[in-house]
Amino acid sequence: MPGILELLIVAVAGYLIGSVSFAVIIAKQRGVNILKEGSCNPGATNVKRVLGKKAGNLCFALDFLKGLVAAGWPLLPFLGFSEPIHLGIIGLIAAILGHSFSCFLGFKGGKGVATTMGGLLALAPFVLIIGLLTWVVLFYTSRYVSLASIGFGLSLPLSGIFLTADTWLVAFLVALAVLIVVRHRSNIQRLLNGTENRFSKK
């Protein structure tokens, strides 16, 4: 088990990294309050819908980077952390919580999918690859970002069971799947009602 001080440092750093809302920053630079436009969600999907593909892709890349940094820096050998993989998990959990419940946005935020993907690149790259393939297949067959994101989440523990022997990591992947589904509960209801927004093929 990592030391208390190590846990505290990694958790606080991860939360603060995750709390930076690039969706709000990017939209504000363009004179838009993303919290009041589109779905009002401060995430890459809403930025793309409101401000266009370029802004949306930039937001996704920066949110992805948040997860990569939060999970990746404890893994750096020269830092000498004990149990770095477990600290990386803590860092990513904190970043996802920061993204979803940002202290800078009154503890509101996005759904954390891009941030999750970034962290998994550091912690479990092959699990991420399978998740991304799942996302791509579901998105391009349905054109629903929400459905693709839910499928991505559900694929994580399923592939993790076969690709990793670390109990902490598997438990974390299960928790991620649950969090992603819960964060998309309103989307699930809209999907069931047939009112969910679908991206066009243009």
N, C-alpha and C. Protein backbone atom coordinates (compact mmCIF):
# COMPACT_ATOMS: atom_id res chain seq x y z
N MET A 1 0.85 -1.20 0.00
CA MET A 1 0.00 0.00 0.00
C MET A 1 0.88 1.24 0.00
N PRO A 2 0.64 2.19 -0.90
CA PRO A 2 1.44 3.43 -0.92
C PRO A 2 1.31 4.20 0.40
N GLY A 3 2.31 5.02 0.71
CA GLY A 3 2.28 5.82 1.91
C GLY A 3 1.21 6.90 1.85
N ILE A 4 0.77 7.34 3.03
CA ILE A 4 -0.29 8.36 3.12
C ILE A 4 0.11 9.65 2.41
N LEU A 5 1.37 10.08 2.61
CA LEU A 5 1.82 11.32 1.98
C LEU A 5 1.82 11.19 0.46
N GLU A 6 2.28 10.05 -0.03
CA GLU A 6 2.27 9.81 -1.48
C GLU A 6 0.83 9.84 -2.01
N LEU A 7 -0.06 9.18 -1.33
CA LEU A 7 -1.47 9.16 -1.75
C LEU A 7 -2.05 10.56 -1.78
N LEU A 8 -1.75 11.34 -0.76
CA LEU A 8 -2.29 12.69 -0.66
C LEU A 8 -1.77 13.58 -1.78
N ILE A 9 -0.46 13.51 -2.04
CA ILE A 9 0.13 14.33 -3.09
C ILE A 9 -0.46 14.00 -4.45
N VAL A 10 -0.52 12.71 -4.76
CA VAL A 10 -1.02 12.27 -6.07
C VAL A 10 -2.50 12.58 -6.23
N ALA A 11 -3.28 12.38 -5.16
CA ALA A 11 -4.72 12.63 -5.23
C ALA A 11 -5.03 14.11 -5.41
N VAL A 12 -4.37 14.95 -4.64
CA VAL A 12 -4.62 16.39 -4.75
C VAL A 12 -4.19 16.91 -6.12
N ALA A 13 -3.01 16.47 -6.57
CA ALA A 13 -2.52 16.90 -7.89
C ALA A 13 -3.48 16.45 -8.99
N GLY A 14 -3.92 15.19 -8.90
CA GLY A 14 -4.83 14.66 -9.90
C GLY A 14 -6.15 15.41 -9.93
N TYR A 15 -6.69 15.72 -8.76
CA TYR A 15 -7.97 16.43 -8.70
C TYR A 15 -7.85 17.83 -9.29
N LEU A 16 -6.79 18.52 -8.96
CA LEU A 16 -6.61 19.88 -9.48
C LEU A 16 -6.39 19.88 -10.99
N ILE A 17 -5.61 18.91 -11.48
CA ILE A 17 -5.41 18.77 -12.92
C ILE A 17 -6.75 18.52 -13.61
N GLY A 18 -7.52 17.60 -13.06
CA GLY A 18 -8.81 17.26 -13.65
C GLY A 18 -9.82 18.39 -13.59
N SER A 19 -9.70 19.24 -12.58
CA SER A 19 -10.68 20.32 -12.38
C SER A 19 -10.57 21.45 -13.40
N VAL A 20 -9.44 21.52 -14.09
CA VAL A 20 -9.28 22.56 -15.12
C VAL A 20 -10.22 22.23 -16.28
N SER A 21 -11.19 23.08 -16.55
CA SER A 21 -12.18 22.82 -17.59
C SER A 21 -11.75 23.48 -18.90
N PHE A 22 -11.15 22.69 -19.78
CA PHE A 22 -10.73 23.23 -21.07
C PHE A 22 -11.93 23.59 -21.94
N ALA A 23 -13.06 22.90 -21.73
CA ALA A 23 -14.27 23.23 -22.49
C ALA A 23 -14.69 24.66 -22.20
N VAL A 24 -14.70 25.03 -20.93
CA VAL A 24 -15.08 26.39 -20.53
C VAL A 24 -14.07 27.40 -21.06
N ILE A 25 -12.79 27.08 -20.95
CA ILE A 25 -11.74 28.01 -21.39
C ILE A 25 -11.80 28.24 -22.90
N ILE A 26 -11.90 27.15 -23.67
CA ILE A 26 -11.94 27.25 -25.13
C ILE A 26 -13.18 28.03 -25.58
N ALA A 27 -14.32 27.73 -24.97
CA ALA A 27 -15.55 28.42 -25.34
C ALA A 27 -15.50 29.90 -24.96
N LYS A 28 -14.95 30.18 -23.78
CA LYS A 28 -14.88 31.57 -23.32
C LYS A 28 -14.02 32.40 -24.25
N GLN A 29 -12.93 31.82 -24.78
CA GLN A 29 -12.07 32.53 -25.72
C GLN A 29 -12.81 32.89 -27.00
N ARG A 30 -13.90 32.18 -27.26
CA ARG A 30 -14.70 32.45 -28.45
C ARG A 30 -15.99 33.19 -28.11
N GLY A 31 -16.05 33.71 -26.89
CA GLY A 31 -17.19 34.50 -26.47
C GLY A 31 -18.44 33.71 -26.17
N VAL A 32 -18.26 32.43 -25.82
CA VAL A 32 -19.41 31.55 -25.56
C VAL A 32 -19.31 30.98 -24.15
N ASN A 33 -20.43 30.94 -23.46
CA ASN A 33 -20.52 30.26 -22.17
C ASN A 33 -21.06 28.86 -22.43
N ILE A 34 -20.17 27.88 -22.46
CA ILE A 34 -20.56 26.52 -22.84
C ILE A 34 -21.52 25.91 -21.83
N LEU A 35 -21.57 26.46 -20.62
CA LEU A 35 -22.47 25.96 -19.59
C LEU A 35 -23.93 26.36 -19.86
N LYS A 36 -24.12 27.24 -20.86
CA LYS A 36 -25.47 27.69 -21.20
C LYS A 36 -25.84 27.40 -22.65
N GLU A 37 -24.99 26.65 -23.35
CA GLU A 37 -25.24 26.37 -24.76
C GLU A 37 -25.31 24.86 -25.00
N GLY A 38 -26.05 24.46 -26.03
CA GLY A 38 -26.16 23.05 -26.37
C GLY A 38 -26.74 22.25 -25.23
N SER A 39 -26.02 21.19 -24.84
CA SER A 39 -26.46 20.35 -23.72
C SER A 39 -26.07 20.94 -22.37
N CYS A 40 -25.34 22.06 -22.41
CA CYS A 40 -24.83 22.75 -21.21
C CYS A 40 -23.76 21.94 -20.49
N ASN A 41 -23.25 20.90 -21.14
CA ASN A 41 -22.23 20.06 -20.54
C ASN A 41 -20.83 20.56 -20.94
N PRO A 42 -19.94 20.79 -19.96
CA PRO A 42 -18.59 21.28 -20.30
C PRO A 42 -17.66 20.15 -20.72
N GLY A 43 -17.95 19.57 -21.88
CA GLY A 43 -17.15 18.48 -22.41
C GLY A 43 -16.90 18.66 -23.89
N ALA A 44 -16.03 17.82 -24.43
CA ALA A 44 -15.61 17.96 -25.82
C ALA A 44 -16.77 17.80 -26.81
N THR A 45 -17.70 16.90 -26.50
CA THR A 45 -18.82 16.67 -27.42
C THR A 45 -19.67 17.92 -27.57
N ASN A 46 -19.98 18.57 -26.46
CA ASN A 46 -20.80 19.78 -26.52
C ASN A 46 -20.03 20.93 -27.18
N VAL A 47 -18.73 21.01 -26.91
CA VAL A 47 -17.91 22.04 -27.56
C VAL A 47 -17.93 21.83 -29.07
N LYS A 48 -17.81 20.59 -29.50
CA LYS A 48 -17.83 20.29 -30.93
C LYS A 48 -19.17 20.64 -31.56
N ARG A 49 -20.23 20.34 -30.83
CA ARG A 49 -21.57 20.62 -31.35
C ARG A 49 -21.83 22.12 -31.45
N VAL A 50 -21.36 22.87 -30.45
CA VAL A 50 -21.64 24.31 -30.40
C VAL A 50 -20.64 25.13 -31.21
N LEU A 51 -19.34 24.77 -31.13
CA LEU A 51 -18.29 25.60 -31.71
C LEU A 51 -17.59 24.99 -32.92
N GLY A 52 -17.92 23.75 -33.23
CA GLY A 52 -17.33 23.15 -34.42
C GLY A 52 -16.28 22.09 -34.13
N LYS A 53 -15.90 21.40 -35.18
CA LYS A 53 -15.00 20.25 -35.07
C LYS A 53 -13.64 20.61 -34.51
N LYS A 54 -13.05 21.71 -34.97
CA LYS A 54 -11.70 22.09 -34.55
C LYS A 54 -11.65 22.35 -33.04
N ALA A 55 -12.60 23.12 -32.54
CA ALA A 55 -12.64 23.43 -31.11
C ALA A 55 -12.93 22.17 -30.29
N GLY A 56 -13.82 21.34 -30.79
CA GLY A 56 -14.17 20.11 -30.09
C GLY A 56 -13.00 19.15 -29.99
N ASN A 57 -12.27 19.01 -31.10
CA ASN A 57 -11.11 18.11 -31.10
C ASN A 57 -10.00 18.62 -30.19
N LEU A 58 -9.83 19.95 -30.15
CA LEU A 58 -8.83 20.53 -29.25
C LEU A 58 -9.21 20.25 -27.80
N CYS A 59 -10.47 20.42 -27.48
CA CYS A 59 -10.95 20.16 -26.12
C CYS A 59 -10.74 18.69 -25.75
N PHE A 60 -11.05 17.80 -26.67
CA PHE A 60 -10.86 16.37 -26.41
C PHE A 60 -9.39 16.06 -26.14
N ALA A 61 -8.51 16.61 -26.97
CA ALA A 61 -7.07 16.36 -26.82
C ALA A 61 -6.56 16.85 -25.47
N LEU A 62 -7.01 18.03 -25.05
CA LEU A 62 -6.56 18.59 -23.78
C LEU A 62 -7.13 17.82 -22.59
N ASP A 63 -8.38 17.38 -22.69
CA ASP A 63 -8.97 16.57 -21.63
C ASP A 63 -8.28 15.20 -21.55
N PHE A 64 -7.93 14.65 -22.71
CA PHE A 64 -7.16 13.40 -22.78
C PHE A 64 -5.82 13.58 -22.08
N LEU A 65 -5.17 14.70 -22.34
CA LEU A 65 -3.87 14.99 -21.75
C LEU A 65 -3.96 15.10 -20.23
N LYS A 66 -5.06 15.63 -19.73
CA LYS A 66 -5.25 15.71 -18.27
C LYS A 66 -5.15 14.33 -17.63
N GLY A 67 -5.83 13.37 -18.21
CA GLY A 67 -5.79 12.01 -17.67
C GLY A 67 -4.42 11.38 -17.80
N LEU A 68 -3.78 11.61 -18.94
CA LEU A 68 -2.44 11.04 -19.17
C LEU A 68 -1.44 11.57 -18.14
N VAL A 69 -1.49 12.87 -17.89
CA VAL A 69 -0.56 13.48 -16.93
C VAL A 69 -0.86 13.01 -15.51
N ALA A 70 -2.14 13.03 -15.12
CA ALA A 70 -2.52 12.68 -13.76
C ALA A 70 -2.16 11.23 -13.41
N ALA A 71 -2.33 10.33 -14.39
CA ALA A 71 -2.02 8.92 -14.15
C ALA A 71 -0.55 8.60 -14.44
N GLY A 72 0.06 9.37 -15.33
CA GLY A 72 1.39 9.03 -15.80
C GLY A 72 2.54 9.52 -14.95
N TRP A 73 2.39 10.69 -14.31
CA TRP A 73 3.56 11.22 -13.61
C TRP A 73 3.99 10.38 -12.41
N PRO A 74 3.06 9.70 -11.68
CA PRO A 74 3.53 8.83 -10.59
C PRO A 74 4.31 7.61 -11.07
N LEU A 75 4.20 7.29 -12.37
CA LEU A 75 4.89 6.12 -12.92
C LEU A 75 6.34 6.41 -13.29
N LEU A 76 6.73 7.69 -13.28
CA LEU A 76 8.09 8.05 -13.68
C LEU A 76 9.10 7.47 -12.69
N PRO A 77 10.04 6.64 -13.16
CA PRO A 77 10.96 5.91 -12.27
C PRO A 77 11.79 6.81 -11.37
N PHE A 78 12.23 7.97 -11.88
CA PHE A 78 13.14 8.81 -11.11
C PHE A 78 12.47 9.48 -9.90
N LEU A 79 11.12 9.41 -9.84
CA LEU A 79 10.42 9.98 -8.68
C LEU A 79 10.48 9.06 -7.47
N GLY A 80 10.70 7.79 -7.71
CA GLY A 80 10.90 6.84 -6.61
C GLY A 80 9.66 6.52 -5.80
N PHE A 81 8.47 6.66 -6.37
CA PHE A 81 7.26 6.32 -5.64
C PHE A 81 7.18 4.81 -5.40
N SER A 82 6.63 4.43 -4.25
CA SER A 82 6.34 3.02 -4.00
C SER A 82 5.02 2.69 -4.70
N GLU A 83 4.94 1.49 -5.28
CA GLU A 83 3.74 1.03 -5.97
C GLU A 83 3.19 2.07 -6.96
N PRO A 84 3.99 2.45 -7.93
CA PRO A 84 3.60 3.52 -8.87
C PRO A 84 2.31 3.25 -9.63
N ILE A 85 2.05 1.98 -10.01
CA ILE A 85 0.84 1.69 -10.78
C ILE A 85 -0.40 2.00 -9.95
N HIS A 86 -0.33 1.71 -8.66
CA HIS A 86 -1.47 1.99 -7.79
C HIS A 86 -1.64 3.49 -7.57
N LEU A 87 -0.53 4.20 -7.47
CA LEU A 87 -0.61 5.66 -7.36
C LEU A 87 -1.13 6.27 -8.66
N GLY A 88 -0.77 5.67 -9.79
CA GLY A 88 -1.29 6.14 -11.06
C GLY A 88 -2.81 6.00 -11.12
N ILE A 89 -3.32 4.90 -10.59
CA ILE A 89 -4.77 4.69 -10.53
C ILE A 89 -5.42 5.77 -9.66
N ILE A 90 -4.81 6.05 -8.50
CA ILE A 90 -5.34 7.08 -7.61
C ILE A 90 -5.34 8.44 -8.32
N GLY A 91 -4.24 8.74 -9.03
CA GLY A 91 -4.15 10.00 -9.75
C GLY A 91 -5.24 10.14 -10.80
N LEU A 92 -5.52 9.05 -11.52
CA LEU A 92 -6.55 9.11 -12.55
C LEU A 92 -7.94 9.22 -11.94
N ILE A 93 -8.20 8.47 -10.87
CA ILE A 93 -9.49 8.58 -10.19
C ILE A 93 -9.73 10.04 -9.77
N ALA A 94 -8.70 10.63 -9.19
CA ALA A 94 -8.82 12.02 -8.73
C ALA A 94 -9.06 12.97 -9.91
N ALA A 95 -8.38 12.73 -11.03
CA ALA A 95 -8.56 13.59 -12.21
C ALA A 95 -9.96 13.46 -12.78
N ILE A 96 -10.49 12.24 -12.81
CA ILE A 96 -11.85 12.04 -13.31
C ILE A 96 -12.86 12.74 -12.41
N LEU A 97 -12.65 12.62 -11.09
CA LEU A 97 -13.53 13.30 -10.15
C LEU A 97 -13.42 14.82 -10.31
N GLY A 98 -12.19 15.30 -10.53
CA GLY A 98 -12.00 16.73 -10.74
C GLY A 98 -12.69 17.20 -12.00
N HIS A 99 -12.59 16.41 -13.07
CA HIS A 99 -13.24 16.76 -14.33
C HIS A 99 -14.77 16.76 -14.18
N SER A 100 -15.28 15.76 -13.47
CA SER A 100 -16.73 15.60 -13.33
C SER A 100 -17.33 16.51 -12.27
N PHE A 101 -16.53 16.85 -11.25
CA PHE A 101 -17.00 17.68 -10.14
C PHE A 101 -15.95 18.74 -9.84
N SER A 102 -15.76 19.64 -10.79
CA SER A 102 -14.70 20.63 -10.71
C SER A 102 -14.94 21.66 -9.61
N CYS A 103 -13.90 21.88 -8.80
CA CYS A 103 -14.00 22.90 -7.75
C CYS A 103 -14.07 24.30 -8.35
N PHE A 104 -13.70 24.44 -9.62
CA PHE A 104 -13.75 25.74 -10.29
C PHE A 104 -15.10 26.01 -10.95
N LEU A 105 -15.97 24.98 -10.98
CA LEU A 105 -17.28 25.12 -11.63
C LEU A 105 -18.42 24.80 -10.67
N GLY A 106 -18.18 25.03 -9.38
CA GLY A 106 -19.22 24.73 -8.41
C GLY A 106 -19.49 23.25 -8.29
N PHE A 107 -18.45 22.45 -8.48
CA PHE A 107 -18.52 20.98 -8.39
C PHE A 107 -19.45 20.36 -9.44
N LYS A 108 -19.44 21.00 -10.60
CA LYS A 108 -20.10 20.44 -11.78
C LYS A 108 -19.00 20.13 -12.80
N GLY A 109 -19.36 19.44 -13.88
CA GLY A 109 -18.34 19.17 -14.88
C GLY A 109 -18.81 18.23 -15.96
N GLY A 110 -17.85 17.73 -16.73
CA GLY A 110 -18.14 16.84 -17.84
C GLY A 110 -18.23 15.39 -17.40
N LYS A 111 -18.34 14.51 -18.38
CA LYS A 111 -18.54 13.09 -18.08
C LYS A 111 -17.23 12.32 -17.92
N GLY A 112 -16.12 12.89 -18.33
CA GLY A 112 -14.82 12.30 -18.02
C GLY A 112 -14.31 11.23 -18.96
N VAL A 113 -14.95 11.05 -20.10
CA VAL A 113 -14.52 9.96 -21.00
C VAL A 113 -13.14 10.22 -21.58
N ALA A 114 -12.90 11.44 -22.09
CA ALA A 114 -11.59 11.75 -22.68
C ALA A 114 -10.48 11.67 -21.63
N THR A 115 -10.76 12.16 -20.42
CA THR A 115 -9.79 12.09 -19.34
C THR A 115 -9.49 10.65 -18.96
N THR A 116 -10.52 9.82 -18.94
CA THR A 116 -10.34 8.39 -18.67
C THR A 116 -9.45 7.74 -19.72
N MET A 117 -9.69 8.07 -20.98
CA MET A 117 -8.89 7.50 -22.05
C MET A 117 -7.42 7.87 -21.91
N GLY A 118 -7.16 9.12 -21.58
CA GLY A 118 -5.78 9.56 -21.41
C GLY A 118 -5.07 8.81 -20.30
N GLY A 119 -5.76 8.62 -19.18
CA GLY A 119 -5.16 7.89 -18.07
C GLY A 119 -4.90 6.44 -18.40
N LEU A 120 -5.81 5.83 -19.15
CA LEU A 120 -5.64 4.43 -19.51
C LEU A 120 -4.47 4.22 -20.47
N LEU A 121 -4.13 5.24 -21.24
CA LEU A 121 -2.96 5.13 -22.10
C LEU A 121 -1.71 4.88 -21.26
N ALA A 122 -1.65 5.49 -20.08
CA ALA A 122 -0.51 5.30 -19.17
C ALA A 122 -0.61 3.99 -18.40
N LEU A 123 -1.83 3.62 -17.99
CA LEU A 123 -2.00 2.50 -17.07
C LEU A 123 -2.25 1.16 -17.76
N ALA A 124 -3.02 1.17 -18.83
CA ALA A 124 -3.43 -0.09 -19.47
C ALA A 124 -3.66 0.16 -20.96
N PRO A 125 -2.59 0.35 -21.73
CA PRO A 125 -2.75 0.75 -23.13
C PRO A 125 -3.54 -0.25 -23.99
N PHE A 126 -3.38 -1.55 -23.75
CA PHE A 126 -4.10 -2.53 -24.57
C PHE A 126 -5.59 -2.54 -24.26
N VAL A 127 -5.93 -2.32 -22.99
CA VAL A 127 -7.34 -2.18 -22.60
C VAL A 127 -7.92 -0.95 -23.29
N LEU A 128 -7.14 0.12 -23.34
CA LEU A 128 -7.58 1.34 -24.01
C LEU A 128 -7.83 1.10 -25.50
N ILE A 129 -6.92 0.38 -26.15
CA ILE A 129 -7.06 0.12 -27.59
C ILE A 129 -8.38 -0.60 -27.87
N ILE A 130 -8.69 -1.62 -27.07
CA ILE A 130 -9.94 -2.35 -27.25
C ILE A 130 -11.14 -1.43 -27.01
N GLY A 131 -11.02 -0.58 -25.98
CA GLY A 131 -12.08 0.37 -25.70
C GLY A 131 -12.30 1.36 -26.84
N LEU A 132 -11.21 1.84 -27.41
CA LEU A 132 -11.30 2.79 -28.53
C LEU A 132 -11.92 2.13 -29.76
N LEU A 133 -11.54 0.89 -30.02
CA LEU A 133 -12.13 0.17 -31.15
C LEU A 133 -13.64 0.00 -30.95
N THR A 134 -14.02 -0.29 -29.71
CA THR A 134 -15.45 -0.40 -29.38
C THR A 134 -16.15 0.92 -29.62
N TRP A 135 -15.52 2.02 -29.17
CA TRP A 135 -16.10 3.35 -29.35
C TRP A 135 -16.29 3.65 -30.84
N VAL A 136 -15.26 3.41 -31.63
CA VAL A 136 -15.31 3.73 -33.06
C VAL A 136 -16.41 2.94 -33.76
N VAL A 137 -16.49 1.64 -33.47
CA VAL A 137 -17.51 0.80 -34.12
C VAL A 137 -18.91 1.28 -33.76
N LEU A 138 -19.13 1.54 -32.47
CA LEU A 138 -20.47 1.98 -32.04
C LEU A 138 -20.81 3.36 -32.57
N PHE A 139 -19.84 4.27 -32.59
CA PHE A 139 -20.14 5.61 -33.07
C PHE A 139 -20.47 5.61 -34.56
N TYR A 140 -19.63 4.95 -35.36
CA TYR A 140 -19.84 5.01 -36.81
C TYR A 140 -20.99 4.14 -37.30
N THR A 141 -21.49 3.27 -36.44
CA THR A 141 -22.69 2.52 -36.82
C THR A 141 -23.96 3.17 -36.31
N SER A 142 -23.84 3.98 -35.24
CA SER A 142 -25.04 4.59 -34.66
C SER A 142 -25.06 6.11 -34.75
N ARG A 143 -23.87 6.75 -34.82
CA ARG A 143 -23.69 8.20 -34.80
C ARG A 143 -24.07 8.82 -33.45
N TYR A 144 -24.16 7.98 -32.41
CA TYR A 144 -24.42 8.47 -31.06
C TYR A 144 -23.13 8.45 -30.25
N VAL A 145 -22.64 9.63 -29.85
CA VAL A 145 -21.44 9.70 -29.01
C VAL A 145 -21.70 9.05 -27.66
N SER A 146 -22.89 9.27 -27.12
CA SER A 146 -23.21 8.72 -25.80
C SER A 146 -23.19 7.20 -25.81
N LEU A 147 -23.79 6.59 -26.82
CA LEU A 147 -23.82 5.13 -26.92
C LEU A 147 -22.40 4.58 -27.08
N ALA A 148 -21.59 5.25 -27.89
CA ALA A 148 -20.21 4.83 -28.07
C ALA A 148 -19.43 4.93 -26.77
N SER A 149 -19.67 5.99 -26.00
CA SER A 149 -18.97 6.19 -24.74
C SER A 149 -19.38 5.15 -23.71
N ILE A 150 -20.64 4.81 -23.68
CA ILE A 150 -21.12 3.77 -22.76
C ILE A 150 -20.50 2.42 -23.13
N GLY A 151 -20.46 2.13 -24.43
CA GLY A 151 -19.83 0.88 -24.88
C GLY A 151 -18.36 0.84 -24.53
N PHE A 152 -17.70 1.98 -24.68
CA PHE A 152 -16.28 2.09 -24.29
C PHE A 152 -16.12 1.73 -22.82
N GLY A 153 -16.97 2.31 -21.97
CA GLY A 153 -16.88 2.05 -20.54
C GLY A 153 -17.10 0.59 -20.19
N LEU A 154 -18.10 -0.02 -20.78
CA LEU A 154 -18.41 -1.41 -20.48
C LEU A 154 -17.32 -2.37 -20.96
N SER A 155 -16.59 -1.97 -22.01
CA SER A 155 -15.54 -2.84 -22.53
C SER A 155 -14.33 -2.92 -21.60
N LEU A 156 -14.15 -1.90 -20.76
CA LEU A 156 -12.93 -1.81 -19.95
C LEU A 156 -12.74 -3.00 -19.01
N PRO A 157 -13.71 -3.30 -18.12
CA PRO A 157 -13.49 -4.44 -17.23
C PRO A 157 -13.49 -5.77 -17.96
N LEU A 158 -14.26 -5.86 -19.05
CA LEU A 158 -14.30 -7.12 -19.80
C LEU A 158 -12.95 -7.46 -20.40
N SER A 159 -12.28 -6.48 -21.00
CA SER A 159 -10.96 -6.73 -21.56
C SER A 159 -9.89 -6.77 -20.46
N GLY A 160 -10.10 -5.98 -19.39
CA GLY A 160 -9.12 -5.93 -18.31
C GLY A 160 -8.96 -7.25 -17.60
N ILE A 161 -10.03 -8.01 -17.48
CA ILE A 161 -9.96 -9.32 -16.83
C ILE A 161 -8.98 -10.24 -17.55
N PHE A 162 -8.91 -10.12 -18.87
CA PHE A 162 -8.04 -10.98 -19.65
C PHE A 162 -6.64 -10.41 -19.87
N LEU A 163 -6.50 -9.09 -19.74
CA LEU A 163 -5.23 -8.45 -20.10
C LEU A 163 -4.39 -7.98 -18.93
N THR A 164 -4.92 -8.04 -17.72
CA THR A 164 -4.12 -7.64 -16.57
C THR A 164 -4.37 -8.56 -15.39
N ALA A 165 -3.33 -8.81 -14.61
CA ALA A 165 -3.44 -9.65 -13.42
C ALA A 165 -3.51 -8.82 -12.15
N ASP A 166 -3.47 -7.49 -12.30
CA ASP A 166 -3.47 -6.60 -11.14
C ASP A 166 -4.90 -6.41 -10.64
N THR A 167 -5.17 -6.87 -9.43
CA THR A 167 -6.51 -6.81 -8.87
C THR A 167 -6.99 -5.37 -8.72
N TRP A 168 -6.09 -4.48 -8.30
CA TRP A 168 -6.44 -3.06 -8.16
C TRP A 168 -6.92 -2.51 -9.50
N LEU A 169 -6.18 -2.84 -10.55
CA LEU A 169 -6.50 -2.28 -11.86
C LEU A 169 -7.83 -2.80 -12.38
N VAL A 170 -8.10 -4.09 -12.19
CA VAL A 170 -9.38 -4.65 -12.62
C VAL A 170 -10.53 -4.01 -11.85
N ALA A 171 -10.36 -3.87 -10.53
CA ALA A 171 -11.40 -3.23 -9.72
C ALA A 171 -11.63 -1.79 -10.17
N PHE A 172 -10.55 -1.11 -10.52
CA PHE A 172 -10.64 0.26 -11.00
C PHE A 172 -11.41 0.32 -12.32
N LEU A 173 -11.16 -0.63 -13.21
CA LEU A 173 -11.85 -0.66 -14.50
C LEU A 173 -13.34 -0.93 -14.32
N VAL A 174 -13.69 -1.76 -13.35
CA VAL A 174 -15.10 -1.99 -13.04
C VAL A 174 -15.75 -0.69 -12.55
N ALA A 175 -15.03 0.01 -11.65
CA ALA A 175 -15.54 1.27 -11.12
C ALA A 175 -15.70 2.31 -12.22
N LEU A 176 -14.75 2.34 -13.15
CA LEU A 176 -14.83 3.27 -14.28
C LEU A 176 -16.07 3.01 -15.13
N ALA A 177 -16.32 1.73 -15.40
CA ALA A 177 -17.48 1.37 -16.21
C ALA A 177 -18.76 1.84 -15.54
N VAL A 178 -18.85 1.63 -14.24
CA VAL A 178 -20.04 2.06 -13.48
C VAL A 178 -20.18 3.59 -13.53
N LEU A 179 -19.06 4.29 -13.32
CA LEU A 179 -19.09 5.76 -13.32
C LEU A 179 -19.52 6.30 -14.68
N ILE A 180 -18.97 5.74 -15.75
CA ILE A 180 -19.31 6.21 -17.10
C ILE A 180 -20.79 5.99 -17.39
N VAL A 181 -21.30 4.84 -17.01
CA VAL A 181 -22.73 4.56 -17.24
C VAL A 181 -23.59 5.51 -16.41
N VAL A 182 -23.24 5.70 -15.15
CA VAL A 182 -24.02 6.60 -14.27
C VAL A 182 -23.99 8.03 -14.80
N ARG A 183 -22.81 8.48 -15.24
CA ARG A 183 -22.69 9.85 -15.76
C ARG A 183 -23.48 10.03 -17.07
N HIS A 184 -23.83 8.92 -17.73
CA HIS A 184 -24.60 8.99 -18.98
C HIS A 184 -26.06 8.60 -18.80
N ARG A 185 -26.54 8.61 -17.54
CA ARG A 185 -27.90 8.14 -17.30
C ARG A 185 -28.95 8.98 -18.03
N SER A 186 -28.71 10.29 -18.15
CA SER A 186 -29.68 11.12 -18.88
C SER A 186 -29.63 10.80 -20.37
N ASN A 187 -28.44 10.50 -20.87
CA ASN A 187 -28.31 10.10 -22.28
C ASN A 187 -29.02 8.78 -22.54
N ILE A 188 -28.89 7.85 -21.59
CA ILE A 188 -29.55 6.55 -21.72
C ILE A 188 -31.06 6.73 -21.82
N GLN A 189 -31.59 7.62 -20.98
CA GLN A 189 -33.03 7.88 -21.01
C GLN A 189 -33.44 8.47 -22.36
N ARG A 190 -32.61 9.40 -22.89
CA ARG A 190 -32.93 9.98 -24.20
C ARG A 190 -32.80 8.95 -25.31
N LEU A 191 -31.83 8.05 -25.19
CA LEU A 191 -31.70 6.98 -26.18
C LEU A 191 -32.94 6.10 -26.19
N LEU A 192 -33.43 5.78 -25.00
CA LEU A 192 -34.63 4.95 -24.89
C LEU A 192 -35.86 5.67 -25.42
N ASN A 193 -35.86 7.01 -25.26
CA ASN A 193 -37.00 7.81 -25.73
C ASN A 193 -36.89 8.19 -27.20
N GLY A 194 -35.70 7.94 -27.79
CA GLY A 194 -35.49 8.31 -29.19
C GLY A 194 -35.25 9.78 -29.39
N THR A 195 -34.80 10.49 -28.33
CA THR A 195 -34.59 11.94 -28.43
C THR A 195 -33.12 12.34 -28.28
N GLU A 196 -32.24 11.37 -28.25
CA GLU A 196 -30.82 11.68 -28.10
C GLU A 196 -30.28 12.34 -29.37
N ASN A 197 -29.37 13.33 -29.21
CA ASN A 197 -28.76 13.99 -30.36
C ASN A 197 -27.83 13.04 -31.09
N ARG A 198 -27.95 13.02 -32.41
CA ARG A 198 -27.14 12.17 -33.26
C ARG A 198 -26.29 13.03 -34.18
N PHE A 199 -24.99 12.72 -34.30
CA PHE A 199 -24.13 13.47 -35.21
C PHE A 199 -24.43 13.05 -36.64
N SER A 200 -24.47 14.05 -37.53
CA SER A 200 -24.71 13.77 -38.94
C SER A 200 -23.46 13.14 -39.56
N LYS A 201 -23.60 12.59 -40.73
CA LYS A 201 -22.49 11.93 -41.42
C LYS A 201 -21.67 12.90 -42.24
N LYS A 202 -21.98 14.17 -42.16
CA LYS A 202 -21.24 15.18 -42.93
C LYS A 202 -19.87 15.39 -42.30
